Amino acid sequence: MADKKVGGSFHPLGTLFDDFKLEDRGGYITREFQDFGLKLAVDLDDMDHKSLYIKMAKETPRVWLEQARSFVMDAGSARSLGRLFMWKLKQIKQSQTKIKDSKKSMR
C-alpha cells in the first residue's frame, strides 16, 4: 500500500520523507555553530578537519565564513577546497583589520 498513490496527487503519510537522504554526521550536534561547521566541512569536502571548521564557526564572524565559502563554491575546480577557503578567509580577515585600523587612526 505504501507504493500506491491515494486519490490524485496525494501520497500516503508514511512515504513523506522517502525522497530525502538523511546523513549520519556522527557525534552529537547540539549547537548551531557545530552544525554550521560540519556543513562547511561537507561543502569543502574536508571531513578530516571538521573540528577546525566547528571551532572557526564558533569564534569567527559568520559573515567572513560565508564570504569565503561563497568564493570557494563559485571558484569551481580547485585541488583543495579547504586550502582555498583558508586562503580567502585570511584575505578577508586582513582587509577587515585594515579597515578597522584606518577607522581608529581617523579619530
PDB file of N, CA and C in Angstrom:
ATOM      1  N   MET A   1       0.811  -1.194   0.000  1.00  0.00           N
ATOM      2  CA  MET A   1       0.000   0.000   0.000  1.00  0.00           C
ATOM      3  C   MET A   1       0.852   1.254   0.000  1.00  0.00           C
ATOM      4  N   ALA A   2       2.104   1.174   0.469  1.00  0.00           N
ATOM      5  CA  ALA A   2       2.961   2.353   0.560  1.00  0.00           C
ATOM      6  C   ALA A   2       3.379   2.857  -0.821  1.00  0.00           C
ATOM      7  N   ASP A   3       3.341   2.003  -1.847  1.00  0.00           N
ATOM      8  CA  ASP A   3       3.769   2.408  -3.175  1.00  0.00           C
ATOM      9  C   ASP A   3       2.655   3.035  -3.996  1.00  0.00           C
ATOM     10  N   LYS A   4       1.428   2.926  -3.545  1.00  0.00           N
ATOM     11  CA  LYS A   4       0.301   3.426  -4.320  1.00  0.00           C
ATOM     12  C   LYS A   4      -0.027   4.857  -3.941  1.00  0.00           C
ATOM     13  N   LYS A   5      -0.436   5.617  -4.939  1.00  0.00           N
ATOM     14  CA  LYS A   5      -0.931   6.959  -4.688  1.00  0.00           C
ATOM     15  C   LYS A   5      -2.372   6.854  -4.218  1.00  0.00           C
ATOM     16  N   VAL A   6      -2.725   7.753  -3.334  1.00  0.00           N
ATOM     17  CA  VAL A   6      -4.082   7.753  -2.821  1.00  0.00           C
ATOM     18  C   VAL A   6      -4.779   8.990  -3.367  1.00  0.00           C
ATOM     19  N   GLY A   7      -5.764   8.825  -4.212  1.00  0.00           N
ATOM     20  CA  GLY A   7      -6.591   9.922  -4.711  1.00  0.00           C
ATOM     21  C   GLY A   7      -5.826  11.071  -5.343  1.00  0.00           C
ATOM     22  N   GLY A   8      -5.575  11.026  -6.622  1.00  0.00           N
ATOM     23  CA  GLY A   8      -4.943  12.132  -7.324  1.00  0.00           C
ATOM     24  C   GLY A   8      -3.467  12.272  -7.012  1.00  0.00           C
ATOM     25  N   SER A   9      -3.076  13.423  -6.434  1.00  0.00           N
ATOM     26  CA  SER A   9      -1.666  13.681  -6.191  1.00  0.00           C
ATOM     27  C   SER A   9      -1.256  13.468  -4.736  1.00  0.00           C
ATOM     28  N   PHE A  10      -2.131  12.899  -3.945  1.00  0.00           N
ATOM     29  CA  PHE A  10      -1.809  12.664  -2.544  1.00  0.00           C
ATOM     30  C   PHE A  10      -1.002  11.379  -2.392  1.00  0.00           C
ATOM     31  N   HIS A  11      -0.083  11.388  -1.438  1.00  0.00           N
ATOM     32  CA  HIS A  11       0.744  10.222  -1.140  1.00  0.00           C
ATOM     33  C   HIS A  11       0.446   9.784   0.289  1.00  0.00           C
ATOM     34  N   PRO A  12       0.641   8.512   0.583  1.00  0.00           N
ATOM     35  CA  PRO A  12       0.470   8.074   1.962  1.00  0.00           C
ATOM     36  C   PRO A  12       1.461   8.789   2.882  1.00  0.00           C
ATOM     37  N   LEU A  13       1.051   9.047   4.080  1.00  0.00           N
ATOM     38  CA  LEU A  13       1.867   9.796   5.028  1.00  0.00           C
ATOM     39  C   LEU A  13       3.188   9.104   5.327  1.00  0.00           C
ATOM     40  N   GLY A  14       3.204   7.803   5.303  1.00  0.00           N
ATOM     41  CA  GLY A  14       4.417   7.048   5.604  1.00  0.00           C
ATOM     42  C   GLY A  14       5.516   7.233   4.567  1.00  0.00           C
ATOM     43  N   THR A  15       5.187   7.707   3.371  1.00  0.00           N
ATOM     44  CA  THR A  15       6.181   7.885   2.311  1.00  0.00           C
ATOM     45  C   THR A  15       6.626   9.340   2.172  1.00  0.00           C
ATOM     46  N   LEU A  16       6.273  10.165   3.108  1.00  0.00           N
ATOM     47  CA  LEU A  16       6.543  11.595   3.026  1.00  0.00           C
ATOM     48  C   LEU A  16       8.037  11.910   2.918  1.00  0.00           C
ATOM     49  N   PHE A  17       8.861  11.212   3.667  1.00  0.00           N
ATOM     50  CA  PHE A  17      10.297  11.508   3.702  1.00  0.00           C
ATOM     51  C   PHE A  17      11.140  10.486   2.945  1.00  0.00           C
ATOM     52  N   ASP A  18      10.547   9.706   2.077  1.00  0.00           N
ATOM     53  CA  ASP A  18      11.296   8.695   1.332  1.00  0.00           C
ATOM     54  C   ASP A  18      12.311   9.304   0.370  1.00  0.00           C
ATOM     55  N   ASP A  19      12.042  10.483  -0.168  1.00  0.00           N
ATOM     56  CA  ASP A  19      12.935  11.101  -1.140  1.00  0.00           C
ATOM     57  C   ASP A  19      14.095  11.857  -0.502  1.00  0.00           C
ATOM     58  N   PHE A  20      14.065  12.060   0.806  1.00  0.00           N
ATOM     59  CA  PHE A  20      15.111  12.809   1.488  1.00  0.00           C
ATOM     60  C   PHE A  20      16.197  11.863   1.981  1.00  0.00           C
ATOM     61  N   LYS A  21      17.449  12.270   1.745  1.00  0.00           N
ATOM     62  CA  LYS A  21      18.575  11.482   2.215  1.00  0.00           C
ATOM     63  C   LYS A  21      19.024  12.070   3.545  1.00  0.00           C
ATOM     64  N   LEU A  22      18.975  11.294   4.574  1.00  0.00           N
ATOM     65  CA  LEU A  22      19.416  11.742   5.888  1.00  0.00           C
ATOM     66  C   LEU A  22      20.862  11.314   6.074  1.00  0.00           C
ATOM     67  N   GLU A  23      21.701  12.277   6.399  1.00  0.00           N
ATOM     68  CA  GLU A  23      23.121  11.988   6.581  1.00  0.00           C
ATOM     69  C   GLU A  23      23.403  11.686   8.043  1.00  0.00           C
ATOM     70  N   ASP A  24      24.218  10.682   8.251  1.00  0.00           N
ATOM     71  CA  ASP A  24      24.703  10.419   9.597  1.00  0.00           C
ATOM     72  C   ASP A  24      25.978  11.217   9.764  1.00  0.00           C
ATOM     73  N   ARG A  25      25.909  12.280  10.527  1.00  0.00           N
ATOM     74  CA  ARG A  25      27.060  13.167  10.666  1.00  0.00           C
ATOM     75  C   ARG A  25      27.978  12.715  11.782  1.00  0.00           C
ATOM     76  N   GLY A  26      27.577  11.753  12.530  1.00  0.00           N
ATOM     77  CA  GLY A  26      28.419  11.253  13.594  1.00  0.00           C
ATOM     78  C   GLY A  26      28.479  12.204  14.763  1.00  0.00           C
ATOM     79  N   GLY A  27      28.592  11.669  15.943  1.00  0.00           N
ATOM     80  CA  GLY A  27      28.695  12.506  17.130  1.00  0.00           C
ATOM     81  C   GLY A  27      27.376  13.170  17.481  1.00  0.00           C
ATOM     82  N   TYR A  28      27.454  14.079  18.388  1.00  0.00           N
ATOM     83  CA  TYR A  28      26.268  14.773  18.854  1.00  0.00           C
ATOM     84  C   TYR A  28      26.384  16.251  18.508  1.00  0.00           C
ATOM     85  N   ILE A  29      25.466  16.720  17.708  1.00  0.00           N
ATOM     86  CA  ILE A  29      25.414  18.125  17.324  1.00  0.00           C
ATOM     87  C   ILE A  29      24.321  18.767  18.170  1.00  0.00           C
ATOM     88  N   THR A  30      24.726  19.642  19.094  1.00  0.00           N
ATOM     89  CA  THR A  30      23.751  20.257  19.989  1.00  0.00           C
ATOM     90  C   THR A  30      23.669  21.767  19.825  1.00  0.00           C
ATOM     91  N   ARG A  31      24.621  22.358  19.139  1.00  0.00           N
ATOM     92  CA  ARG A  31      24.655  23.809  18.963  1.00  0.00           C
ATOM     93  C   ARG A  31      24.625  24.158  17.479  1.00  0.00           C
ATOM     94  N   GLU A  32      24.166  25.346  17.198  1.00  0.00           N
ATOM     95  CA  GLU A  32      24.057  25.792  15.816  1.00  0.00           C
ATOM     96  C   GLU A  32      25.434  25.919  15.165  1.00  0.00           C
ATOM     97  N   PHE A  33      26.419  26.436  15.893  1.00  0.00           N
ATOM     98  CA  PHE A  33      27.748  26.608  15.303  1.00  0.00           C
ATOM     99  C   PHE A  33      28.377  25.263  14.954  1.00  0.00           C
ATOM    100  N   GLN A  34      28.039  24.214  15.697  1.00  0.00           N
ATOM    101  CA  GLN A  34      28.551  22.883  15.373  1.00  0.00           C
ATOM    102  C   GLN A  34      27.973  22.411  14.040  1.00  0.00           C
ATOM    103  N   ASP A  35      26.699  22.659  13.860  1.00  0.00           N
ATOM    104  CA  ASP A  35      26.043  22.276  12.612  1.00  0.00           C
ATOM    105  C   ASP A  35      26.633  23.052  11.435  1.00  0.00           C
ATOM    106  N   PHE A  36      26.843  24.352  11.629  1.00  0.00           N
ATOM    107  CA  PHE A  36      27.406  25.172  10.558  1.00  0.00           C
ATOM    108  C   PHE A  36      28.821  24.714  10.217  1.00  0.00           C
ATOM    109  N   GLY A  37      29.640  24.446  11.218  1.00  0.00           N
ATOM    110  CA  GLY A  37      30.998  23.973  10.980  1.00  0.00           C
ATOM    111  C   GLY A  37      31.021  22.644  10.248  1.00  0.00           C
ATOM    112  N   LEU A  38      30.104  21.781  10.598  1.00  0.00           N
ATOM    113  CA  LEU A  38      30.015  20.488   9.925  1.00  0.00           C
ATOM    114  C   LEU A  38      29.568  20.646   8.474  1.00  0.00           C
ATOM    115  N   LYS A  39      28.637  21.566   8.237  1.00  0.00           N
ATOM    116  CA  LYS A  39      28.206  21.835   6.864  1.00  0.00           C
ATOM    117  C   LYS A  39      29.366  22.399   6.039  1.00  0.00           C
ATOM    118  N   LEU A  40      30.175  23.240   6.664  1.00  0.00           N
ATOM    119  CA  LEU A  40      31.362  23.758   5.971  1.00  0.00           C
ATOM    120  C   LEU A  40      32.293  22.613   5.572  1.00  0.00           C
ATOM    121  N   ALA A  41      32.543  21.714   6.490  1.00  0.00           N
ATOM    122  CA  ALA A  41      33.428  20.579   6.214  1.00  0.00           C
ATOM    123  C   ALA A  41      32.882  19.724   5.072  1.00  0.00           C
ATOM    124  N   VAL A  42      31.571  19.528   5.046  1.00  0.00           N
ATOM    125  CA  VAL A  42      30.954  18.738   3.980  1.00  0.00           C
ATOM    126  C   VAL A  42      31.053  19.487   2.657  1.00  0.00           C
ATOM    127  N   ASP A  43      30.732  20.783   2.662  1.00  0.00           N
ATOM    128  CA  ASP A  43      30.783  21.577   1.437  1.00  0.00           C
ATOM    129  C   ASP A  43      32.192  21.636   0.853  1.00  0.00           C
ATOM    130  N   LEU A  44      33.180  21.700   1.732  1.00  0.00           N
ATOM    131  CA  LEU A  44      34.571  21.806   1.286  1.00  0.00           C
ATOM    132  C   LEU A  44      35.210  20.439   1.073  1.00  0.00           C
ATOM    133  N   ASP A  45      34.450  19.391   1.319  1.00  0.00           N
ATOM    134  CA  ASP A  45      34.931  18.011   1.173  1.00  0.00           C
ATOM    135  C   ASP A  45      36.216  17.811   1.970  1.00  0.00           C
ATOM    136  N   ASP A  46      36.159  18.243   3.234  1.00  0.00           N
ATOM    137  CA  ASP A  46      37.335  18.195   4.102  1.00  0.00           C
ATOM    138  C   ASP A  46      36.930  17.694   5.489  1.00  0.00           C
ATOM    139  N   MET A  47      36.386  16.499   5.534  1.00  0.00           N
ATOM    140  CA  MET A  47      35.895  15.953   6.800  1.00  0.00           C
ATOM    141  C   MET A  47      37.022  15.635   7.780  1.00  0.00           C
ATOM    142  N   ASP A  48      38.243  15.543   7.289  1.00  0.00           N
ATOM    143  CA  ASP A  48      39.369  15.293   8.189  1.00  0.00           C
ATOM    144  C   ASP A  48      39.598  16.459   9.147  1.00  0.00           C
ATOM    145  N   HIS A  49      39.170  17.648   8.755  1.00  0.00           N
ATOM    146  CA  HIS A  49      39.378  18.846   9.567  1.00  0.00           C
ATOM    147  C   HIS A  49      38.070  19.437  10.070  1.00  0.00           C
ATOM    148  N   LYS A  50      37.070  18.599  10.301  1.00  0.00           N
ATOM    149  CA  LYS A  50      35.762  19.122  10.711  1.00  0.00           C
ATOM    150  C   LYS A  50      35.821  19.842  12.055  1.00  0.00           C
ATOM    151  N   SER A  51      36.685  19.411  12.955  1.00  0.00           N
ATOM    152  CA  SER A  51      36.775  20.103  14.249  1.00  0.00           C
ATOM    153  C   SER A  51      37.317  21.524  14.071  1.00  0.00           C
ATOM    154  N   LEU A  52      38.200  21.727  13.100  1.00  0.00           N
ATOM    155  CA  LEU A  52      38.706  23.068  12.801  1.00  0.00           C
ATOM    156  C   LEU A  52      37.575  23.971  12.326  1.00  0.00           C
ATOM    157  N   TYR A  53      36.723  23.464  11.442  1.00  0.00           N
ATOM    158  CA  TYR A  53      35.615  24.267  10.917  1.00  0.00           C
ATOM    159  C   TYR A  53      34.582  24.559  12.007  1.00  0.00           C
ATOM    160  N   ILE A  54      34.378  23.614  12.903  1.00  0.00           N
ATOM    161  CA  ILE A  54      33.457  23.848  14.018  1.00  0.00           C
ATOM    162  C   ILE A  54      34.008  24.944  14.924  1.00  0.00           C
ATOM    163  N   LYS A  55      35.304  24.901  15.209  1.00  0.00           N
ATOM    164  CA  LYS A  55      35.924  25.930  16.043  1.00  0.00           C
ATOM    165  C   LYS A  55      35.844  27.295  15.365  1.00  0.00           C
ATOM    166  N   MET A  56      36.111  27.338  14.063  1.00  0.00           N
ATOM    167  CA  MET A  56      36.021  28.609  13.348  1.00  0.00           C
ATOM    168  C   MET A  56      34.588  29.133  13.336  1.00  0.00           C
ATOM    169  N   ALA A  57      33.610  28.234  13.220  1.00  0.00           N
ATOM    170  CA  ALA A  57      32.213  28.658  13.237  1.00  0.00           C
ATOM    171  C   ALA A  57      31.838  29.264  14.581  1.00  0.00           C
ATOM    172  N   LYS A  58      32.509  28.831  15.625  1.00  0.00           N
ATOM    173  CA  LYS A  58      32.244  29.358  16.965  1.00  0.00           C
ATOM    174  C   LYS A  58      32.921  30.713  17.183  1.00  0.00           C
ATOM    175  N   GLU A  59      34.146  30.875  16.679  1.00  0.00           N
ATOM    176  CA  GLU A  59      34.955  32.034  17.034  1.00  0.00           C
ATOM    177  C   GLU A  59      35.068  33.108  15.959  1.00  0.00           C
ATOM    178  N   THR A  60      34.800  32.785  14.712  1.00  0.00           N
ATOM    179  CA  THR A  60      34.978  33.715  13.603  1.00  0.00           C
ATOM    180  C   THR A  60      33.622  34.295  13.212  1.00  0.00           C
ATOM    181  N   PRO A  61      33.594  35.589  12.871  1.00  0.00           N
ATOM    182  CA  PRO A  61      32.318  36.169  12.425  1.00  0.00           C
ATOM    183  C   PRO A  61      31.732  35.401  11.245  1.00  0.00           C
ATOM    184  N   ARG A  62      30.451  35.132  11.338  1.00  0.00           N
ATOM    185  CA  ARG A  62      29.765  34.306  10.334  1.00  0.00           C
ATOM    186  C   ARG A  62      29.835  34.937   8.940  1.00  0.00           C
ATOM    187  N   VAL A  63      29.822  36.248   8.876  1.00  0.00           N
ATOM    188  CA  VAL A  63      29.881  36.943   7.591  1.00  0.00           C
ATOM    189  C   VAL A  63      31.164  36.586   6.848  1.00  0.00           C
ATOM    190  N   TRP A  64      32.270  36.553   7.572  1.00  0.00           N
ATOM    191  CA  TRP A  64      33.549  36.209   6.948  1.00  0.00           C
ATOM    192  C   TRP A  64      33.531  34.780   6.424  1.00  0.00           C
ATOM    193  N   LEU A  65      32.991  33.867   7.226  1.00  0.00           N
ATOM    194  CA  LEU A  65      32.934  32.465   6.801  1.00  0.00           C
ATOM    195  C   LEU A  65      32.048  32.299   5.574  1.00  0.00           C
ATOM    196  N   GLU A  66      30.928  33.004   5.561  1.00  0.00           N
ATOM    197  CA  GLU A  66      30.017  32.919   4.415  1.00  0.00           C
ATOM    198  C   GLU A  66      30.658  33.486   3.155  1.00  0.00           C
ATOM    199  N   GLN A  67      31.398  34.598   3.297  1.00  0.00           N
ATOM    200  CA  GLN A  67      32.065  35.184   2.133  1.00  0.00           C
ATOM    201  C   GLN A  67      33.111  34.232   1.567  1.00  0.00           C
ATOM    202  N   ALA A  68      33.898  33.632   2.427  1.00  0.00           N
ATOM    203  CA  ALA A  68      34.932  32.696   1.982  1.00  0.00           C
ATOM    204  C   ALA A  68      34.297  31.453   1.371  1.00  0.00           C
ATOM    205  N   ARG A  69      33.249  30.945   1.988  1.00  0.00           N
ATOM    206  CA  ARG A  69      32.553  29.766   1.465  1.00  0.00           C
ATOM    207  C   ARG A  69      31.965  30.059   0.088  1.00  0.00           C
ATOM    208  N   SER A  70      31.350  31.217  -0.055  1.00  0.00           N
ATOM    209  CA  SER A  70      30.755  31.608  -1.335  1.00  0.00           C
ATOM    210  C   SER A  70      31.825  31.709  -2.422  1.00  0.00           C
ATOM    211  N   PHE A  71      32.976  32.285  -2.074  1.00  0.00           N
ATOM    212  CA  PHE A  71      34.077  32.394  -3.022  1.00  0.00           C
ATOM    213  C   PHE A  71      34.516  31.015  -3.504  1.00  0.00           C
ATOM    214  N   VAL A  72      34.657  30.088  -2.584  1.00  0.00           N
ATOM    215  CA  VAL A  72      35.121  28.740  -2.928  1.00  0.00           C
ATOM    216  C   VAL A  72      34.091  28.005  -3.784  1.00  0.00           C
ATOM    217  N   MET A  73      32.825  28.151  -3.446  1.00  0.00           N
ATOM    218  CA  MET A  73      31.784  27.460  -4.212  1.00  0.00           C
ATOM    219  C   MET A  73      31.689  28.024  -5.628  1.00  0.00           C
ATOM    220  N   ASP A  74      31.943  29.323  -5.784  1.00  0.00           N
ATOM    221  CA  ASP A  74      31.900  29.941  -7.105  1.00  0.00           C
ATOM    222  C   ASP A  74      33.165  29.666  -7.916  1.00  0.00           C
ATOM    223  N   ALA A  75      34.243  29.323  -7.244  1.00  0.00           N
ATOM    224  CA  ALA A  75      35.524  29.122  -7.918  1.00  0.00           C
ATOM    225  C   ALA A  75      35.506  27.909  -8.839  1.00  0.00           C
ATOM    226  N   GLY A  76      34.662  26.950  -8.563  1.00  0.00           N
ATOM    227  CA  GLY A  76      34.593  25.774  -9.425  1.00  0.00           C
ATOM    228  C   GLY A  76      35.573  24.709  -9.011  1.00  0.00           C
ATOM    229  N   SER A  77      36.575  24.486  -9.836  1.00  0.00           N
ATOM    230  CA  SER A  77      37.507  23.399  -9.540  1.00  0.00           C
ATOM    231  C   SER A  77      38.772  23.939  -8.881  1.00  0.00           C
ATOM    232  N   ALA A  78      39.188  23.240  -7.872  1.00  0.00           N
ATOM    233  CA  ALA A  78      40.438  23.540  -7.176  1.00  0.00           C
ATOM    234  C   ALA A  78      40.955  22.220  -6.616  1.00  0.00           C
ATOM    235  N   ARG A  79      42.246  22.133  -6.475  1.00  0.00           N
ATOM    236  CA  ARG A  79      42.808  20.886  -5.936  1.00  0.00           C
ATOM    237  C   ARG A  79      42.356  20.655  -4.506  1.00  0.00           C
ATOM    238  N   SER A  80      42.327  21.727  -3.727  1.00  0.00           N
ATOM    239  CA  SER A  80      41.932  21.608  -2.328  1.00  0.00           C
ATOM    240  C   SER A  80      40.976  22.751  -1.982  1.00  0.00           C
ATOM    241  N   LEU A  81      39.713  22.441  -1.831  1.00  0.00           N
ATOM    242  CA  LEU A  81      38.736  23.465  -1.490  1.00  0.00           C
ATOM    243  C   LEU A  81      39.000  24.034  -0.100  1.00  0.00           C
ATOM    244  N   GLY A  82      39.449  23.184   0.809  1.00  0.00           N
ATOM    245  CA  GLY A  82      39.757  23.635   2.164  1.00  0.00           C
ATOM    246  C   GLY A  82      40.892  24.647   2.181  1.00  0.00           C
ATOM    247  N   ARG A  83      41.912  24.392   1.397  1.00  0.00           N
ATOM    248  CA  ARG A  83      43.054  25.313   1.320  1.00  0.00           C
ATOM    249  C   ARG A  83      42.626  26.650   0.706  1.00  0.00           C
ATOM    250  N   LEU A  84      41.820  26.592  -0.338  1.00  0.00           N
ATOM    251  CA  LEU A  84      41.323  27.811  -0.971  1.00  0.00           C
ATOM    252  C   LEU A  84      40.449  28.607  -0.009  1.00  0.00           C
ATOM    253  N   PHE A  85      39.633  27.895   0.760  1.00  0.00           N
ATOM    254  CA  PHE A  85      38.784  28.535   1.764  1.00  0.00           C
ATOM    255  C   PHE A  85      39.630  29.260   2.814  1.00  0.00           C
ATOM    256  N   MET A  86      40.664  28.608   3.312  1.00  0.00           N
ATOM    257  CA  MET A  86      41.515  29.218   4.330  1.00  0.00           C
ATOM    258  C   MET A  86      42.264  30.430   3.772  1.00  0.00           C
ATOM    259  N   TRP A  87      42.713  30.363   2.535  1.00  0.00           N
ATOM    260  CA  TRP A  87      43.403  31.486   1.910  1.00  0.00           C
ATOM    261  C   TRP A  87      42.459  32.685   1.804  1.00  0.00           C
ATOM    262  N   LYS A  88      41.238  32.435   1.332  1.00  0.00           N
ATOM    263  CA  LYS A  88      40.281  33.537   1.176  1.00  0.00           C
ATOM    264  C   LYS A  88      39.899  34.102   2.540  1.00  0.00           C
ATOM    265  N   LEU A  89      39.723  33.259   3.527  1.00  0.00           N
ATOM    266  CA  LEU A  89      39.381  33.723   4.870  1.00  0.00           C
ATOM    267  C   LEU A  89      40.497  34.606   5.428  1.00  0.00           C
ATOM    268  N   LYS A  90      41.740  34.234   5.175  1.00  0.00           N
ATOM    269  CA  LYS A  90      42.875  35.050   5.616  1.00  0.00           C
ATOM    270  C   LYS A  90      42.842  36.417   4.952  1.00  0.00           C
ATOM    271  N   GLN A  91      42.538  36.455   3.660  1.00  0.00           N
ATOM    272  CA  GLN A  91      42.421  37.732   2.950  1.00  0.00           C
ATOM    273  C   GLN A  91      41.318  38.599   3.538  1.00  0.00           C
ATOM    274  N   ILE A  92      40.187  38.006   3.826  1.00  0.00           N
ATOM    275  CA  ILE A  92      39.050  38.740   4.389  1.00  0.00           C
ATOM    276  C   ILE A  92      39.418  39.310   5.750  1.00  0.00           C
ATOM    277  N   LYS A  93      40.065  38.504   6.584  1.00  0.00           N
ATOM    278  CA  LYS A  93      40.479  38.976   7.907  1.00  0.00           C
ATOM    279  C   LYS A  93      41.441  40.157   7.798  1.00  0.00           C
ATOM    280  N   GLN A  94      42.405  40.060   6.886  1.00  0.00           N
ATOM    281  CA  GLN A  94      43.377  41.133   6.719  1.00  0.00           C
ATOM    282  C   GLN A  94      42.706  42.415   6.238  1.00  0.00           C
ATOM    283  N   SER A  95      41.789  42.302   5.309  1.00  0.00           N
ATOM    284  CA  SER A  95      41.119  43.500   4.807  1.00  0.00           C
ATOM    285  C   SER A  95      40.245  44.134   5.887  1.00  0.00           C
ATOM    286  N   GLN A  96      39.613  43.315   6.725  1.00  0.00           N
ATOM    287  CA  GLN A  96      38.776  43.849   7.794  1.00  0.00           C
ATOM    288  C   GLN A  96      39.608  44.537   8.869  1.00  0.00           C
ATOM    289  N   THR A  97      40.784  43.989   9.171  1.00  0.00           N
ATOM    290  CA  THR A  97      41.632  44.627  10.183  1.00  0.00           C
ATOM    291  C   THR A  97      42.214  45.930   9.649  1.00  0.00           C
ATOM    292  N   LYS A  98      42.497  46.016   8.350  1.00  0.00           N
ATOM    293  CA  LYS A  98      42.971  47.271   7.756  1.00  0.00           C
ATOM    294  C   LYS A  98      41.890  48.335   7.845  1.00  0.00           C
ATOM    295  N   ILE A  99      40.657  47.954   7.567  1.00  0.00           N
ATOM    296  CA  ILE A  99      39.536  48.900   7.649  1.00  0.00           C
ATOM    297  C   ILE A  99      39.367  49.375   9.087  1.00  0.00           C
ATOM    298  N   LYS A 100      39.443  48.447  10.025  1.00  0.00           N
ATOM    299  CA  LYS A 100      39.285  48.789  11.436  1.00  0.00           C
ATOM    300  C   LYS A 100      40.410  49.720  11.904  1.00  0.00           C
ATOM    301  N   ASP A 101      41.648  49.432  11.473  1.00  0.00           N
ATOM    302  CA  ASP A 101      42.783  50.265  11.858  1.00  0.00           C
ATOM    303  C   ASP A 101      42.683  51.672  11.280  1.00  0.00           C
ATOM    304  N   SER A 102      42.212  51.762  10.032  1.00  0.00           N
ATOM    305  CA  SER A 102      42.085  53.083   9.407  1.00  0.00           C
ATOM    306  C   SER A 102      41.009  53.917  10.084  1.00  0.00           C
ATOM    307  N   LYS A 103      39.960  53.273  10.572  1.00  0.00           N
ATOM    308  CA  LYS A 103      38.915  53.995  11.302  1.00  0.00           C
ATOM    309  C   LYS A 103      39.429  54.518  12.632  1.00  0.00           C
ATOM    310  N   LYS A 104      40.281  53.725  13.288  1.00  0.00           N
ATOM    311  CA  LYS A 104      40.861  54.154  14.573  1.00  0.00           C
ATOM    312  C   LYS A 104      41.794  55.353  14.377  1.00  0.00           C
ATOM    313  N   SER A 105      42.557  55.346  13.301  1.00  0.00           N
ATOM    314  CA  SER A 105      43.512  56.424  13.060  1.00  0.00           C
ATOM    315  C   SER A 105      42.808  57.728  12.694  1.00  0.00           C
ATOM    316  N   MET A 106      41.595  57.649  12.182  1.00  0.00           N
ATOM    317  CA  MET A 106      40.834  58.846  11.823  1.00  0.00           C
ATOM    318  C   MET A 106      40.291  59.577  13.039  1.00  0.00           C
ATOM    319  N   ARG A 107      40.177  58.908  14.138  1.00  0.00           N
ATOM    320  CA  ARG A 107      39.598  59.519  15.338  1.00  0.00           C
ATOM    321  C   ARG A 107      40.502  60.467  15.940  1.00  0.00           C
TER     322      ARG A 107
END
